[in-house]
Amino acid sequence: MKFSTSLLGLVAIAQTASAHYIFNTLIYGTQRSPAAVRLAQSNSPVKDATSNDIRCNVNPFPATATVNVSAGDAIGLELSAAIFHQGPAAIYLGSASGDAADWDGSGQAWFKIAEWGPTFNPFTFTAVGLTQLMTTIPENTPSGQYLVRAEQIGLHNLPAEYYVGCAQINVFNGGSGNPSKIAIPGPEYIQPT
């Protein structure tokens, strides 16, 4: 009995570990770049939505590239495994005041460009099973350097588990849009109005 209980515990741990994921490749237009991603050091989620780690993960490895992406082009991040946990997902752009490689993501500079929420018949979240989150950079996004931030919030535990990752891009052929921006972390991020 002791052996079977231990074995069940190990199986549960293995299933939990295999259900974690990281964002490891930037997809832009028809191209891909793992070098533009600030790669997470582990697949463990961030659990404190008020921590600076909520921006781009816990001490991610620096990206070695910033890629050029035209406003209006496809953009997204690929995951190391399919999204397994029930919960919403989103993609944000954060406007760097200079080089994206030098920016830590601080300040009121982030705006959401895509989200995946629930469906109700049957109840599930639309991101479950996806291996990449993809959207389009709005055509009116001003030219400049940005961090692309993808998140999936696992709601299966409390506190919630935040799977986050960032990549560095330079938007060209941009427009004159001026979307409302929030700070991450910040009160509008934790409790949007």
N, C-alpha and C. Protein backbone atom coordinates (compact mmCIF):
# COMPACT_ATOMS: atom_id res chain seq x y z
N MET A 1 0.82 -1.19 0.00
CA MET A 1 0.00 0.00 0.00
C MET A 1 0.87 1.26 0.00
N LYS A 2 1.95 1.23 0.80
CA LYS A 2 2.84 2.38 0.86
C LYS A 2 3.46 2.66 -0.50
N PHE A 3 3.85 1.58 -1.21
CA PHE A 3 4.45 1.73 -2.54
C PHE A 3 3.44 2.34 -3.52
N SER A 4 2.19 1.85 -3.52
CA SER A 4 1.21 2.35 -4.47
C SER A 4 0.86 3.81 -4.19
N THR A 5 0.82 4.22 -2.93
CA THR A 5 0.56 5.62 -2.59
C THR A 5 1.72 6.49 -3.07
N SER A 6 2.94 6.03 -2.87
CA SER A 6 4.10 6.78 -3.35
C SER A 6 4.10 6.87 -4.87
N LEU A 7 3.77 5.77 -5.53
CA LEU A 7 3.73 5.76 -6.98
C LEU A 7 2.66 6.72 -7.50
N LEU A 8 1.50 6.73 -6.87
CA LEU A 8 0.45 7.67 -7.29
C LEU A 8 0.91 9.11 -7.09
N GLY A 9 1.62 9.38 -6.01
CA GLY A 9 2.14 10.73 -5.77
C GLY A 9 3.12 11.15 -6.85
N LEU A 10 4.02 10.24 -7.24
CA LEU A 10 4.98 10.54 -8.31
C LEU A 10 4.28 10.77 -9.65
N VAL A 11 3.27 9.98 -9.94
CA VAL A 11 2.52 10.17 -11.18
C VAL A 11 1.84 11.54 -11.18
N ALA A 12 1.25 11.92 -10.06
CA ALA A 12 0.59 13.22 -9.96
C ALA A 12 1.59 14.35 -10.15
N ILE A 13 2.77 14.23 -9.55
CA ILE A 13 3.81 15.25 -9.72
C ILE A 13 4.25 15.32 -11.18
N ALA A 14 4.45 14.17 -11.81
CA ALA A 14 4.87 14.15 -13.21
C ALA A 14 3.82 14.78 -14.10
N GLN A 15 2.54 14.51 -13.84
CA GLN A 15 1.49 15.11 -14.66
C GLN A 15 1.44 16.61 -14.46
N THR A 16 1.62 17.07 -13.23
CA THR A 16 1.61 18.51 -12.96
C THR A 16 2.77 19.18 -13.67
N ALA A 17 3.96 18.59 -13.58
CA ALA A 17 5.14 19.19 -14.22
C ALA A 17 4.98 19.22 -15.73
N SER A 18 4.43 18.15 -16.30
CA SER A 18 4.30 18.12 -17.75
C SER A 18 3.21 19.06 -18.24
N ALA A 19 2.34 19.52 -17.36
CA ALA A 19 1.27 20.44 -17.75
C ALA A 19 1.74 21.88 -17.77
N HIS A 20 2.97 22.14 -17.39
CA HIS A 20 3.51 23.50 -17.42
C HIS A 20 4.14 23.77 -18.78
N TYR A 21 4.23 25.06 -19.12
CA TYR A 21 4.71 25.43 -20.44
C TYR A 21 5.34 26.80 -20.40
N ILE A 22 6.16 27.08 -21.41
CA ILE A 22 6.77 28.40 -21.56
C ILE A 22 6.57 28.86 -23.00
N PHE A 23 6.62 30.17 -23.19
CA PHE A 23 6.59 30.75 -24.53
C PHE A 23 8.03 30.80 -25.02
N ASN A 24 8.34 30.07 -26.11
CA ASN A 24 9.74 29.91 -26.49
C ASN A 24 10.10 30.38 -27.91
N THR A 25 9.12 30.74 -28.73
CA THR A 25 9.42 31.16 -30.10
C THR A 25 8.47 32.27 -30.52
N LEU A 26 9.03 33.36 -31.05
CA LEU A 26 8.22 34.43 -31.63
C LEU A 26 7.85 34.04 -33.05
N ILE A 27 6.58 34.23 -33.41
CA ILE A 27 6.12 34.03 -34.78
C ILE A 27 5.71 35.39 -35.30
N TYR A 28 6.25 35.80 -36.44
CA TYR A 28 5.93 37.11 -37.00
C TYR A 28 5.84 36.98 -38.51
N GLY A 29 4.70 37.42 -39.07
CA GLY A 29 4.46 37.20 -40.49
C GLY A 29 4.53 35.71 -40.76
N THR A 30 5.42 35.31 -41.65
CA THR A 30 5.61 33.89 -41.96
C THR A 30 6.91 33.36 -41.38
N GLN A 31 7.54 34.13 -40.50
CA GLN A 31 8.84 33.75 -39.95
C GLN A 31 8.74 33.41 -38.46
N ARG A 32 9.83 32.83 -37.96
CA ARG A 32 9.91 32.43 -36.55
C ARG A 32 11.26 32.84 -36.00
N SER A 33 11.29 33.19 -34.71
CA SER A 33 12.55 33.56 -34.08
C SER A 33 12.55 33.20 -32.60
N PRO A 34 13.28 32.14 -32.22
CA PRO A 34 13.48 31.90 -30.80
C PRO A 34 14.43 32.94 -30.19
N ALA A 35 15.30 33.54 -31.02
CA ALA A 35 16.30 34.50 -30.52
C ALA A 35 15.68 35.79 -30.01
N ALA A 36 14.48 36.13 -30.45
CA ALA A 36 13.82 37.37 -30.01
C ALA A 36 13.08 37.21 -28.68
N VAL A 37 13.02 35.98 -28.17
CA VAL A 37 12.26 35.69 -26.94
C VAL A 37 13.16 35.80 -25.72
N ARG A 38 12.65 36.46 -24.70
CA ARG A 38 13.29 36.44 -23.38
C ARG A 38 12.86 35.14 -22.73
N LEU A 39 13.67 34.13 -22.84
CA LEU A 39 13.30 32.76 -22.49
C LEU A 39 13.27 32.54 -20.98
N ALA A 40 12.14 32.01 -20.51
CA ALA A 40 12.00 31.67 -19.09
C ALA A 40 13.02 30.61 -18.71
N GLN A 41 13.53 30.71 -17.48
CA GLN A 41 14.53 29.75 -17.02
C GLN A 41 13.91 28.42 -16.61
N SER A 42 12.60 28.43 -16.33
CA SER A 42 11.91 27.18 -16.00
C SER A 42 10.47 27.30 -16.47
N ASN A 43 9.76 26.18 -16.43
CA ASN A 43 8.36 26.20 -16.82
C ASN A 43 7.42 26.42 -15.64
N SER A 44 7.98 26.83 -14.51
CA SER A 44 7.14 27.12 -13.34
C SER A 44 6.41 28.44 -13.55
N PRO A 45 5.15 28.50 -13.16
CA PRO A 45 4.39 29.73 -13.36
C PRO A 45 4.73 30.80 -12.32
N VAL A 46 4.39 32.03 -12.64
CA VAL A 46 4.45 33.14 -11.69
C VAL A 46 3.15 33.10 -10.91
N LYS A 47 3.20 33.24 -9.60
CA LYS A 47 1.98 33.16 -8.79
C LYS A 47 1.63 34.46 -8.08
N ASP A 48 2.46 35.48 -8.23
CA ASP A 48 2.20 36.77 -7.59
C ASP A 48 1.96 37.82 -8.66
N ALA A 49 0.69 38.19 -8.85
CA ALA A 49 0.33 39.15 -9.90
C ALA A 49 0.79 40.56 -9.58
N THR A 50 1.32 40.79 -8.38
CA THR A 50 1.82 42.12 -8.03
C THR A 50 3.33 42.21 -8.14
N SER A 51 3.98 41.12 -8.51
CA SER A 51 5.43 41.07 -8.65
C SER A 51 5.84 41.54 -10.04
N ASN A 52 7.02 42.13 -10.15
CA ASN A 52 7.55 42.51 -11.46
C ASN A 52 7.77 41.30 -12.36
N ASP A 53 7.86 40.10 -11.76
CA ASP A 53 8.03 38.87 -12.54
C ASP A 53 6.83 38.61 -13.45
N ILE A 54 5.68 39.24 -13.15
CA ILE A 54 4.47 39.05 -13.95
C ILE A 54 4.65 39.62 -15.36
N ARG A 55 5.63 40.51 -15.55
CA ARG A 55 5.84 41.12 -16.87
C ARG A 55 6.34 40.10 -17.89
N CYS A 56 7.52 39.56 -17.65
CA CYS A 56 8.18 38.68 -18.64
C CYS A 56 8.72 37.40 -18.04
N ASN A 57 8.32 37.06 -16.82
CA ASN A 57 8.70 35.85 -16.11
C ASN A 57 9.86 36.13 -15.16
N VAL A 58 10.26 35.10 -14.42
CA VAL A 58 11.28 35.22 -13.39
C VAL A 58 12.67 35.17 -14.02
N ASN A 59 13.38 36.29 -13.99
CA ASN A 59 14.75 36.37 -14.52
C ASN A 59 14.94 35.62 -15.83
N PRO A 60 14.18 35.98 -16.87
CA PRO A 60 14.35 35.27 -18.14
C PRO A 60 15.73 35.51 -18.75
N PHE A 61 16.17 34.55 -19.54
CA PHE A 61 17.41 34.75 -20.29
C PHE A 61 17.18 35.88 -21.29
N PRO A 62 18.17 36.75 -21.49
CA PRO A 62 17.99 37.87 -22.43
C PRO A 62 17.79 37.37 -23.86
N ALA A 63 16.95 38.07 -24.59
CA ALA A 63 16.81 37.80 -26.03
C ALA A 63 18.08 38.29 -26.72
N THR A 64 18.40 37.67 -27.82
CA THR A 64 19.60 38.08 -28.56
C THR A 64 19.25 38.77 -29.87
N ALA A 65 17.96 39.03 -30.11
CA ALA A 65 17.53 39.69 -31.34
C ALA A 65 16.29 40.52 -31.08
N THR A 66 16.12 41.55 -31.87
CA THR A 66 14.88 42.32 -31.95
C THR A 66 14.48 42.28 -33.41
N VAL A 67 13.32 41.73 -33.71
CA VAL A 67 12.94 41.52 -35.12
C VAL A 67 12.01 42.61 -35.62
N ASN A 68 12.09 42.91 -36.91
CA ASN A 68 11.24 43.90 -37.56
C ASN A 68 9.92 43.27 -37.98
N VAL A 69 8.82 43.93 -37.59
CA VAL A 69 7.48 43.45 -37.92
C VAL A 69 6.66 44.63 -38.38
N SER A 70 5.99 44.48 -39.50
CA SER A 70 5.15 45.55 -40.02
C SER A 70 3.83 45.59 -39.27
N ALA A 71 3.35 46.81 -38.97
CA ALA A 71 2.01 46.95 -38.42
C ALA A 71 1.04 46.28 -39.40
N GLY A 72 0.09 45.54 -38.88
CA GLY A 72 -0.86 44.80 -39.71
C GLY A 72 -0.45 43.36 -39.96
N ASP A 73 0.78 42.99 -39.59
CA ASP A 73 1.24 41.61 -39.78
C ASP A 73 0.82 40.71 -38.62
N ALA A 74 0.86 39.41 -38.88
CA ALA A 74 0.60 38.42 -37.85
C ALA A 74 1.72 38.44 -36.83
N ILE A 75 1.35 38.21 -35.56
CA ILE A 75 2.33 38.15 -34.48
C ILE A 75 1.83 37.13 -33.46
N GLY A 76 2.75 36.42 -32.83
CA GLY A 76 2.33 35.48 -31.80
C GLY A 76 3.52 34.83 -31.14
N LEU A 77 3.22 34.04 -30.14
CA LEU A 77 4.25 33.29 -29.44
C LEU A 77 3.84 31.83 -29.37
N GLU A 78 4.82 30.97 -29.62
CA GLU A 78 4.62 29.52 -29.56
C GLU A 78 5.00 29.03 -28.17
N LEU A 79 4.32 27.98 -27.72
CA LEU A 79 4.57 27.40 -26.42
C LEU A 79 5.36 26.10 -26.53
N SER A 80 5.98 25.71 -25.42
CA SER A 80 6.73 24.45 -25.38
C SER A 80 5.81 23.24 -25.34
N ALA A 81 4.54 23.43 -24.99
CA ALA A 81 3.54 22.36 -24.93
C ALA A 81 2.17 23.01 -25.07
N ALA A 82 1.18 22.21 -25.39
CA ALA A 82 -0.18 22.75 -25.53
C ALA A 82 -0.68 23.28 -24.19
N ILE A 83 -1.47 24.35 -24.26
CA ILE A 83 -2.09 24.90 -23.05
C ILE A 83 -3.01 23.85 -22.46
N PHE A 84 -2.78 23.54 -21.20
CA PHE A 84 -3.50 22.46 -20.54
C PHE A 84 -4.46 22.99 -19.49
N HIS A 85 -4.10 24.05 -18.82
CA HIS A 85 -4.91 24.55 -17.71
C HIS A 85 -6.04 25.45 -18.19
N GLN A 86 -7.20 25.30 -17.58
CA GLN A 86 -8.34 26.17 -17.88
C GLN A 86 -8.03 27.59 -17.42
N GLY A 87 -8.30 28.57 -18.29
CA GLY A 87 -8.11 29.96 -17.94
C GLY A 87 -7.91 30.81 -19.17
N PRO A 88 -8.02 32.12 -19.02
CA PRO A 88 -7.91 33.02 -20.16
C PRO A 88 -6.46 33.19 -20.62
N ALA A 89 -6.33 33.75 -21.82
CA ALA A 89 -5.02 34.06 -22.38
C ALA A 89 -5.12 35.42 -23.07
N ALA A 90 -3.97 36.07 -23.26
CA ALA A 90 -3.96 37.38 -23.90
C ALA A 90 -2.58 37.67 -24.48
N ILE A 91 -2.55 38.62 -25.40
CA ILE A 91 -1.31 39.17 -25.92
C ILE A 91 -1.36 40.68 -25.73
N TYR A 92 -0.27 41.22 -25.20
CA TYR A 92 -0.10 42.65 -24.99
C TYR A 92 1.09 43.15 -25.79
N LEU A 93 1.08 44.42 -26.13
CA LEU A 93 2.26 45.11 -26.61
C LEU A 93 2.64 46.14 -25.56
N GLY A 94 3.94 46.24 -25.29
CA GLY A 94 4.47 47.25 -24.38
C GLY A 94 5.41 48.15 -25.15
N SER A 95 5.13 49.43 -25.15
CA SER A 95 5.91 50.40 -25.92
C SER A 95 7.17 50.78 -25.15
N ALA A 96 8.32 50.38 -25.68
CA ALA A 96 9.60 50.72 -25.06
C ALA A 96 9.94 52.18 -25.38
N SER A 97 10.48 52.89 -24.42
CA SER A 97 10.84 54.29 -24.69
C SER A 97 12.12 54.40 -25.50
N GLY A 98 12.85 53.33 -25.64
CA GLY A 98 14.08 53.29 -26.43
C GLY A 98 14.20 51.90 -27.04
N ASP A 99 15.35 51.26 -26.84
CA ASP A 99 15.55 49.90 -27.34
C ASP A 99 14.79 48.91 -26.47
N ALA A 100 14.04 48.03 -27.11
CA ALA A 100 13.30 47.00 -26.37
C ALA A 100 14.26 46.13 -25.56
N ALA A 101 15.46 45.90 -26.08
CA ALA A 101 16.43 45.05 -25.38
C ALA A 101 16.84 45.63 -24.04
N ASP A 102 16.74 46.94 -23.88
CA ASP A 102 17.16 47.60 -22.64
C ASP A 102 16.01 47.88 -21.69
N TRP A 103 14.78 47.57 -22.08
CA TRP A 103 13.61 47.94 -21.29
C TRP A 103 13.14 46.78 -20.43
N ASP A 104 12.83 47.07 -19.18
CA ASP A 104 12.36 46.04 -18.24
C ASP A 104 10.84 45.90 -18.21
N GLY A 105 10.13 46.68 -19.01
CA GLY A 105 8.67 46.58 -19.05
C GLY A 105 7.96 47.44 -18.04
N SER A 106 8.68 48.30 -17.33
CA SER A 106 8.05 49.12 -16.29
C SER A 106 7.30 50.30 -16.89
N GLY A 107 6.36 50.83 -16.13
CA GLY A 107 5.62 52.01 -16.52
C GLY A 107 4.29 51.68 -17.17
N GLN A 108 3.52 52.71 -17.38
CA GLN A 108 2.19 52.58 -17.98
C GLN A 108 2.34 52.59 -19.50
N ALA A 109 2.73 51.42 -20.05
CA ALA A 109 3.11 51.34 -21.46
C ALA A 109 2.47 50.16 -22.19
N TRP A 110 1.64 49.36 -21.51
CA TRP A 110 1.12 48.12 -22.07
C TRP A 110 -0.31 48.27 -22.55
N PHE A 111 -0.62 47.66 -23.70
CA PHE A 111 -2.01 47.60 -24.17
C PHE A 111 -2.28 46.23 -24.77
N LYS A 112 -3.50 45.74 -24.53
CA LYS A 112 -3.89 44.41 -24.98
C LYS A 112 -4.29 44.45 -26.45
N ILE A 113 -3.81 43.48 -27.24
CA ILE A 113 -4.19 43.41 -28.64
C ILE A 113 -4.98 42.15 -28.98
N ALA A 114 -5.05 41.18 -28.05
CA ALA A 114 -5.83 39.96 -28.30
C ALA A 114 -6.13 39.28 -26.97
N GLU A 115 -7.25 38.55 -26.93
CA GLU A 115 -7.55 37.75 -25.74
C GLU A 115 -8.37 36.53 -26.12
N TRP A 116 -8.22 35.49 -25.32
CA TRP A 116 -8.94 34.25 -25.48
C TRP A 116 -9.66 34.01 -24.16
N GLY A 117 -10.97 33.94 -24.19
CA GLY A 117 -11.77 33.82 -22.98
C GLY A 117 -12.56 32.53 -22.93
N PRO A 118 -13.64 32.54 -22.15
CA PRO A 118 -14.44 31.32 -21.98
C PRO A 118 -15.50 31.15 -23.07
N THR A 119 -15.93 29.91 -23.22
CA THR A 119 -17.14 29.58 -23.96
C THR A 119 -18.04 28.85 -22.96
N PHE A 120 -19.33 28.80 -23.24
CA PHE A 120 -20.24 28.36 -22.19
C PHE A 120 -21.08 27.12 -22.50
N ASN A 121 -20.98 26.53 -23.68
CA ASN A 121 -21.81 25.38 -23.94
C ASN A 121 -21.06 24.35 -24.78
N PRO A 122 -20.19 23.53 -24.19
CA PRO A 122 -19.91 23.39 -22.77
C PRO A 122 -18.89 24.43 -22.30
N PHE A 123 -18.82 24.61 -20.98
CA PHE A 123 -17.90 25.60 -20.43
C PHE A 123 -16.46 25.13 -20.60
N THR A 124 -15.65 26.00 -21.20
CA THR A 124 -14.21 25.79 -21.34
C THR A 124 -13.59 27.14 -21.69
N PHE A 125 -12.29 27.16 -21.84
CA PHE A 125 -11.60 28.37 -22.29
C PHE A 125 -11.04 28.10 -23.68
N THR A 126 -11.12 29.10 -24.56
CA THR A 126 -10.77 28.90 -25.96
C THR A 126 -9.29 28.65 -26.20
N ALA A 127 -8.44 28.98 -25.25
CA ALA A 127 -7.00 28.76 -25.43
C ALA A 127 -6.57 27.33 -25.10
N VAL A 128 -7.40 26.57 -24.41
CA VAL A 128 -7.01 25.20 -24.03
C VAL A 128 -6.75 24.38 -25.29
N GLY A 129 -5.59 23.73 -25.31
CA GLY A 129 -5.19 22.90 -26.44
C GLY A 129 -4.34 23.62 -27.47
N LEU A 130 -4.26 24.95 -27.40
CA LEU A 130 -3.45 25.69 -28.37
C LEU A 130 -1.96 25.52 -28.07
N THR A 131 -1.15 25.52 -29.12
CA THR A 131 0.31 25.48 -28.95
C THR A 131 0.94 26.81 -29.32
N GLN A 132 0.13 27.75 -29.75
CA GLN A 132 0.60 29.11 -30.03
C GLN A 132 -0.56 30.07 -29.87
N LEU A 133 -0.25 31.28 -29.47
CA LEU A 133 -1.23 32.36 -29.42
C LEU A 133 -0.88 33.32 -30.54
N MET A 134 -1.81 33.53 -31.47
CA MET A 134 -1.56 34.35 -32.66
C MET A 134 -2.60 35.44 -32.80
N THR A 135 -2.18 36.60 -33.27
CA THR A 135 -3.07 37.70 -33.57
C THR A 135 -2.42 38.56 -34.65
N THR A 136 -2.93 39.76 -34.83
CA THR A 136 -2.39 40.71 -35.80
C THR A 136 -2.02 41.99 -35.07
N ILE A 137 -0.88 42.57 -35.40
CA ILE A 137 -0.53 43.87 -34.83
C ILE A 137 -1.49 44.89 -35.45
N PRO A 138 -2.23 45.64 -34.62
CA PRO A 138 -3.15 46.63 -35.19
C PRO A 138 -2.41 47.58 -36.15
N GLU A 139 -3.04 47.87 -37.29
CA GLU A 139 -2.41 48.71 -38.30
C GLU A 139 -2.11 50.12 -37.81
N ASN A 140 -2.85 50.60 -36.80
CA ASN A 140 -2.61 51.95 -36.29
C ASN A 140 -1.57 51.99 -35.17
N THR A 141 -0.91 50.87 -34.89
CA THR A 141 0.15 50.84 -33.87
C THR A 141 1.31 51.72 -34.33
N PRO A 142 1.73 52.68 -33.51
CA PRO A 142 2.85 53.55 -33.91
C PRO A 142 4.14 52.75 -34.12
N SER A 143 4.94 53.18 -35.07
CA SER A 143 6.24 52.56 -35.29
C SER A 143 7.10 52.73 -34.04
N GLY A 144 7.97 51.77 -33.78
CA GLY A 144 8.87 51.84 -32.64
C GLY A 144 9.12 50.46 -32.07
N GLN A 145 9.89 50.41 -31.00
CA GLN A 145 10.26 49.14 -30.39
C GLN A 145 9.28 48.78 -29.28
N TYR A 146 8.96 47.48 -29.22
CA TYR A 146 7.97 46.97 -28.28
C TYR A 146 8.43 45.64 -27.70
N LEU A 147 7.85 45.32 -26.55
CA LEU A 147 7.85 43.95 -26.07
C LEU A 147 6.48 43.38 -26.40
N VAL A 148 6.45 42.18 -26.96
CA VAL A 148 5.23 41.42 -27.15
C VAL A 148 5.14 40.50 -25.94
N ARG A 149 4.04 40.57 -25.21
CA ARG A 149 3.89 39.78 -23.98
C ARG A 149 2.68 38.86 -24.13
N ALA A 150 2.91 37.56 -24.01
CA ALA A 150 1.82 36.59 -24.02
C ALA A 150 1.64 36.05 -22.62
N GLU A 151 0.38 35.79 -22.27
CA GLU A 151 0.09 35.21 -20.96
C GLU A 151 -1.04 34.22 -21.09
N GLN A 152 -0.99 33.21 -20.24
CA GLN A 152 -2.11 32.31 -20.03
C GLN A 152 -2.24 32.16 -18.53
N ILE A 153 -3.43 32.37 -18.02
CA ILE A 153 -3.66 32.35 -16.58
C ILE A 153 -4.38 31.06 -16.23
N GLY A 154 -3.67 30.15 -15.56
CA GLY A 154 -4.27 28.89 -15.12
C GLY A 154 -5.09 29.14 -13.86
N LEU A 155 -6.36 28.78 -13.93
CA LEU A 155 -7.28 29.03 -12.81
C LEU A 155 -7.57 27.77 -12.01
N HIS A 156 -6.78 26.73 -12.19
CA HIS A 156 -7.01 25.46 -11.52
C HIS A 156 -6.51 25.45 -10.08
N ASN A 157 -5.70 26.42 -9.69
CA ASN A 157 -5.16 26.53 -8.33
C ASN A 157 -5.32 27.96 -7.85
N LEU A 158 -5.26 28.14 -6.55
CA LEU A 158 -5.20 29.47 -5.96
C LEU A 158 -3.90 29.57 -5.19
N PRO A 159 -3.10 30.61 -5.38
CA PRO A 159 -3.36 31.68 -6.34
C PRO A 159 -3.27 31.18 -7.77
N ALA A 160 -3.83 31.96 -8.68
CA ALA A 160 -3.78 31.61 -10.09
C ALA A 160 -2.33 31.48 -10.55
N GLU A 161 -2.13 30.69 -11.60
CA GLU A 161 -0.79 30.49 -12.16
C GLU A 161 -0.68 31.28 -13.47
N TYR A 162 0.30 32.18 -13.54
CA TYR A 162 0.52 33.02 -14.71
C TYR A 162 1.68 32.47 -15.53
N TYR A 163 1.39 32.03 -16.73
CA TYR A 163 2.41 31.58 -17.68
C TYR A 163 2.65 32.75 -18.63
N VAL A 164 3.81 33.37 -18.53
CA VAL A 164 4.07 34.60 -19.28
C VAL A 164 5.40 34.50 -20.02
N GLY A 165 5.47 35.23 -21.12
CA GLY A 165 6.71 35.32 -21.88
C GLY A 165 6.70 36.57 -22.73
N CYS A 166 7.89 37.09 -23.03
CA CYS A 166 8.02 38.31 -23.84
C CYS A 166 9.01 38.10 -24.98
N ALA A 167 8.80 38.87 -26.04
CA ALA A 167 9.73 38.90 -27.17
C ALA A 167 9.90 40.35 -27.61
N GLN A 168 11.02 40.62 -28.24
CA GLN A 168 11.38 41.98 -28.65
C GLN A 168 11.12 42.18 -30.13
N ILE A 169 10.37 43.27 -30.46
CA ILE A 169 10.09 43.58 -31.86
C ILE A 169 10.28 45.06 -32.13
N ASN A 170 10.49 45.37 -33.40
CA ASN A 170 10.53 46.74 -33.90
C ASN A 170 9.41 46.86 -34.93
N VAL A 171 8.37 47.65 -34.62
CA VAL A 171 7.24 47.82 -35.53
C VAL A 171 7.58 48.92 -36.53
N PHE A 172 7.37 48.63 -37.82
CA PHE A 172 7.54 49.65 -38.86
C PHE A 172 6.25 49.74 -39.66
N ASN A 173 6.14 50.75 -40.52
CA ASN A 173 4.91 51.02 -41.27
C ASN A 173 3.73 51.25 -40.34
N GLY A 174 4.00 51.85 -39.17
CA GLY A 174 2.97 52.04 -38.16
C GLY A 174 2.05 53.20 -38.45
N GLY A 175 1.09 53.35 -37.57
CA GLY A 175 0.09 54.40 -37.69
C GLY A 175 0.20 55.40 -36.55
N SER A 176 -0.90 56.07 -36.28
CA SER A 176 -0.91 57.12 -35.26
C SER A 176 -1.85 56.79 -34.12
N GLY A 177 -2.10 55.51 -33.88
CA GLY A 177 -2.98 55.11 -32.79
C GLY A 177 -2.41 55.48 -31.43
N ASN A 178 -3.30 55.64 -30.46
CA ASN A 178 -2.89 55.97 -29.09
C ASN A 178 -3.79 55.22 -28.12
N PRO A 179 -3.63 53.89 -28.03
CA PRO A 179 -4.51 53.11 -27.15
C PRO A 179 -4.27 53.42 -25.68
N SER A 180 -5.29 53.20 -24.86
CA SER A 180 -5.13 53.33 -23.41
C SER A 180 -4.09 52.32 -22.96
N LYS A 181 -3.24 52.73 -22.03
CA LYS A 181 -2.15 51.87 -21.58
C LYS A 181 -2.25 51.64 -20.07
N ILE A 182 -1.73 50.50 -19.65
CA ILE A 182 -1.70 50.14 -18.23
C ILE A 182 -0.28 49.77 -17.85
N ALA A 183 -0.04 49.72 -16.55
CA ALA A 183 1.22 49.21 -16.01
C ALA A 183 1.03 47.73 -15.66
N ILE A 184 2.05 46.94 -15.89
CA ILE A 184 2.07 45.53 -15.48
C ILE A 184 3.30 45.32 -14.62
N PRO A 185 3.16 45.04 -13.33
CA PRO A 185 1.90 44.93 -12.59
C PRO A 185 1.31 46.31 -12.35
N GLY A 186 0.06 46.32 -11.95
CA GLY A 186 -0.63 47.56 -11.65
C GLY A 186 -2.10 47.30 -11.38
N PRO A 187 -2.79 48.28 -10.82
CA PRO A 187 -4.20 48.06 -10.44
C PRO A 187 -5.11 47.77 -11.62
N GLU A 188 -4.88 48.38 -12.78
CA GLU A 188 -5.72 48.11 -13.94
C GLU A 188 -5.46 46.71 -14.49
N TYR A 189 -4.26 46.20 -14.31
CA TYR A 189 -3.94 44.85 -14.77
C TYR A 189 -4.59 43.81 -13.89
N ILE A 190 -4.50 43.99 -12.59
CA ILE A 190 -5.03 42.99 -11.66
C ILE A 190 -6.54 43.00 -11.65
N GLN A 191 -7.14 44.18 -11.66
CA GLN A 191 -8.61 44.29 -11.64
C GLN A 191 -9.05 45.25 -12.74
N PRO A 192 -9.13 44.76 -13.98
CA PRO A 192 -9.52 45.65 -15.07
C PRO A 192 -10.93 46.16 -14.89
N THR A 193 -11.17 47.39 -15.35
CA THR A 193 -12.50 47.97 -15.23
C THR A 193 -13.35 47.66 -16.43
